[in-house]
């Protein structure tokens, strides 16, 4: 705004929505006892194929500070550094009930039934639902693994385990009240 200009009613409303949205986003927090912000992903979480020898166990995650109006959550894990031109989706979980405050260790194993009742794990770039741990090419700089929790304004997304990460991401775009991220890295020599 220039000197001497006043906000109109619509301008005040828009500013309030931006400030309110930023406050809501700032209150949502994502953490893990298995991954500290900016740290290296543990071998326990690393994939056990494609030349990697980890245990492929998804980390325990917890969140707090969801804004009012949250009706469900979704979680994604994305590697923007994968040499694909479009990154790599490692985990997609949605329809997590609004009363959930986390995912236990190994919830990404769909056979374990550790994810909250009603939640859906959909197809990753490995071609199957569930957790697929880090396994960047040897010699690449360490890749970033971005864990994102989304607080949503709907109680469920109309999709199943065959839904692509892009399809879920499209739906998250229109229903996110707030989100929080946790980033770790992993590389192989």
Protein backbone atom coordinates (compact mmCIF):
# COMPACT_ATOMS: atom_id res chain seq x y z
CA UNK A 1 0.00 0.00 0.00
CA UNK A 2 1.16 3.45 -0.82
CA UNK A 3 1.18 6.39 1.56
CA UNK A 4 -2.32 7.61 2.33
CA UNK A 5 -4.15 4.56 0.86
CA UNK A 6 -6.67 2.71 2.98
CA UNK A 7 -7.79 -0.92 2.81
CA UNK A 8 -11.34 -1.46 1.62
CA UNK A 9 -13.65 -3.93 3.35
CA UNK A 10 -12.63 -6.63 0.85
CA UNK A 11 -8.95 -5.79 1.40
CA UNK A 12 -9.34 -6.10 5.17
CA UNK A 13 -11.10 -9.46 4.73
CA UNK A 14 -8.37 -10.72 2.38
CA UNK A 15 -5.65 -9.60 4.79
CA UNK A 16 -7.45 -11.30 7.70
CA UNK A 17 -7.70 -14.55 5.72
CA UNK A 18 -4.00 -14.46 4.87
CA UNK A 19 -2.96 -13.67 8.44
CA UNK A 20 -5.42 -16.22 9.86
CA UNK A 21 -4.22 -18.90 7.43
CA UNK A 22 -0.60 -18.17 8.31
CA UNK A 23 -1.40 -18.43 12.02
CA UNK A 24 -3.15 -21.78 11.49
CA UNK A 25 -0.28 -23.07 9.37
CA UNK A 26 2.24 -21.96 11.98
CA UNK A 27 0.43 -23.90 14.74
CA UNK A 28 0.48 -27.31 13.01
CA UNK A 29 3.67 -29.19 13.92
CA UNK A 30 5.10 -32.50 12.67
CA UNK A 31 7.77 -34.43 14.56
CA UNK A 32 9.33 -37.88 14.81
CA UNK A 33 11.41 -39.71 17.39
CA UNK A 34 13.06 -41.46 14.42
CA UNK A 35 13.93 -38.38 12.36
CA UNK A 36 15.07 -35.00 13.60
CA UNK A 37 14.72 -31.97 11.30
CA UNK A 38 17.61 -31.79 8.85
CA UNK A 39 19.14 -35.07 10.01
CA UNK A 40 20.04 -38.16 8.01
CA UNK A 41 17.32 -40.78 7.55
CA UNK A 42 18.24 -43.90 9.56
CA UNK A 43 19.11 -47.21 7.87
CA UNK A 44 15.98 -48.65 9.52
CA UNK A 45 13.85 -46.49 7.17
CA UNK A 46 15.94 -47.13 4.01
CA UNK A 47 14.57 -49.36 1.24
CA UNK A 48 15.70 -52.98 1.08
CA UNK A 49 15.99 -53.39 -2.71
CA UNK A 50 17.51 -51.59 -5.73
CA UNK A 51 20.93 -52.09 -4.12
CA UNK A 52 19.92 -50.62 -0.75
CA UNK A 53 20.04 -52.77 2.38
CA UNK A 54 17.80 -51.00 4.88
CA UNK A 55 14.83 -52.41 6.77
CA UNK A 56 12.17 -50.33 4.93
CA UNK A 57 10.33 -49.43 8.14
CA UNK A 58 8.39 -46.16 8.10
CA UNK A 59 9.27 -43.82 10.97
CA UNK A 60 6.92 -43.00 13.82
CA UNK A 61 5.36 -39.57 13.27
CA UNK A 62 3.29 -37.30 15.48
CA UNK A 63 1.53 -33.99 14.93
CA UNK A 64 -0.21 -31.36 16.99
CA UNK A 65 -1.79 -27.94 16.61
CA UNK A 66 -4.36 -28.72 13.92
CA UNK A 67 -6.59 -25.75 13.15
CA UNK A 68 -10.26 -25.77 14.07
CA UNK A 69 -12.34 -27.21 11.26
CA UNK A 70 -9.88 -30.06 10.62
CA UNK A 71 -11.91 -33.08 9.52
CA UNK A 72 -9.09 -35.42 8.49
CA UNK A 73 -5.37 -35.59 7.77
CA UNK A 74 -3.16 -36.75 4.93
CA UNK A 75 0.56 -37.46 4.87
CA UNK A 76 2.98 -37.53 1.96
CA UNK A 77 6.70 -38.26 1.69
CA UNK A 78 8.39 -36.84 -1.40
CA UNK A 79 11.95 -36.78 -2.77
CA UNK A 80 12.31 -33.71 -5.04
CA UNK A 81 15.91 -34.69 -5.89
CA UNK A 82 15.16 -38.02 -7.59
CA UNK A 83 16.59 -38.08 -11.13
CA UNK A 84 13.18 -38.43 -12.79
CA UNK A 85 12.33 -34.87 -13.78
CA UNK A 86 9.34 -35.04 -11.43
CA UNK A 87 10.72 -36.27 -8.09
CA UNK A 88 9.65 -39.49 -6.35
CA UNK A 89 6.68 -40.20 -4.05
CA UNK A 90 7.67 -42.54 -1.19
CA UNK A 91 4.46 -42.61 0.87
CA UNK A 92 0.89 -41.33 0.50
CA UNK A 93 -1.65 -41.76 3.32
CA UNK A 94 -5.02 -40.02 3.46
CA UNK A 95 -8.41 -40.22 5.21
CA UNK A 96 -6.56 -40.26 8.53
CA UNK A 97 -9.26 -39.49 11.13
CA UNK A 98 -9.31 -36.01 12.66
CA UNK A 99 -8.74 -37.42 16.16
CA UNK A 100 -5.45 -39.06 15.14
CA UNK A 101 -2.25 -37.46 16.40
CA UNK A 102 0.29 -39.64 14.66
CA UNK A 103 1.33 -42.79 12.87
CA UNK A 104 3.28 -45.50 14.70
CA UNK A 105 6.57 -46.90 13.46
CA UNK A 106 6.00 -49.32 10.55
CA UNK A 107 2.48 -48.01 9.81
CA UNK A 108 3.66 -47.86 6.20
CA UNK A 109 3.56 -51.66 5.98
CA UNK A 110 -0.02 -52.04 4.75
CA UNK A 111 -0.13 -55.64 6.00
CA UNK A 112 0.66 -54.51 9.56
CA UNK A 113 -2.68 -52.68 9.97
CA UNK A 114 -0.95 -50.12 12.19
CA UNK A 115 -2.37 -47.06 10.41
CA UNK A 116 -5.53 -45.57 11.98
CA UNK A 117 -8.80 -47.28 11.01
CA UNK A 118 -10.30 -45.73 7.88
CA UNK A 119 -7.02 -44.36 6.54
CA UNK A 120 -5.92 -45.26 3.02
CA UNK A 121 -2.38 -45.78 1.77
CA UNK A 122 -2.25 -45.27 -1.97
CA UNK A 123 0.16 -46.01 -4.76
CA UNK A 124 3.64 -44.52 -4.60
CA UNK A 125 6.17 -44.24 -7.40
CA UNK A 126 7.24 -47.79 -6.53
CA UNK A 127 3.87 -48.81 -8.00
CA UNK A 128 2.32 -50.09 -4.77
CA UNK A 129 0.67 -48.62 -1.67
CA UNK A 130 2.64 -48.19 1.54
CA UNK A 131 6.05 -46.96 2.62
CA UNK A 132 8.97 -47.20 0.23
CA UNK A 133 12.11 -45.96 1.93
CA UNK A 134 14.94 -43.85 0.52
CA UNK A 135 17.34 -45.41 -1.99
CA UNK A 136 18.93 -42.69 -4.12
CA UNK A 137 21.44 -43.63 -6.83
CA UNK A 138 25.00 -44.18 -5.65
CA UNK A 139 27.12 -41.07 -6.05
CA UNK A 140 24.21 -38.59 -6.06
CA UNK A 141 24.34 -35.80 -3.54
CA UNK A 142 22.13 -36.67 -0.56
CA UNK A 143 18.45 -36.44 -1.45
CA UNK A 144 15.88 -34.57 0.64
CA UNK A 145 12.88 -36.51 1.96
CA UNK A 146 10.00 -34.16 2.71
CA UNK A 147 7.40 -35.51 5.15
CA UNK A 148 4.26 -33.32 4.99
CA UNK A 149 1.17 -33.59 7.17
CA UNK A 150 -1.96 -31.87 5.86
CA UNK A 151 -4.95 -30.81 7.98
CA UNK A 152 -7.96 -31.08 5.67
CA UNK A 153 -11.43 -29.53 5.60
CA UNK A 154 -13.09 -32.79 4.45
CA UNK A 155 -13.50 -36.04 6.36
CA UNK A 156 -12.35 -38.12 3.42
CA UNK A 157 -10.99 -37.94 -0.10
CA UNK A 158 -12.90 -40.04 -2.60
CA UNK A 159 -9.99 -42.23 -3.68
CA UNK A 160 -8.61 -45.67 -3.02
CA UNK A 161 -5.27 -47.49 -2.83
CA UNK A 162 -4.81 -47.34 -6.62
CA UNK A 163 -4.91 -43.52 -6.66
CA UNK A 164 -1.71 -41.87 -7.84
CA UNK A 165 0.22 -39.41 -5.71
CA UNK A 166 -0.54 -36.69 -8.28
CA UNK A 167 -4.29 -37.31 -7.98
CA UNK A 168 -4.13 -37.14 -4.19
CA UNK A 169 -1.93 -34.02 -4.38
CA UNK A 170 -4.50 -32.36 -6.65
CA UNK A 171 -7.21 -33.02 -4.06
CA UNK A 172 -5.02 -31.89 -1.17
CA UNK A 173 -4.49 -28.58 -2.96
CA UNK A 174 -8.20 -27.77 -2.66
CA UNK A 175 -8.79 -29.03 0.90
CA UNK A 176 -5.73 -28.06 2.96
CA UNK A 177 -6.32 -25.88 6.01
CA UNK A 178 -2.73 -26.13 7.23
CA UNK A 179 0.38 -28.20 6.68
CA UNK A 180 3.65 -28.90 8.43
CA UNK A 181 6.87 -30.43 7.14
CA UNK A 182 9.79 -32.44 8.42
CA UNK A 183 12.80 -32.92 6.16
CA UNK A 184 15.58 -35.46 6.39
CA UNK A 185 18.26 -36.44 3.90
CA UNK A 186 19.93 -39.61 2.71
CA UNK A 187 22.68 -40.40 0.25
CA UNK A 188 24.82 -43.35 -0.84
CA UNK A 189 28.51 -43.21 -1.76
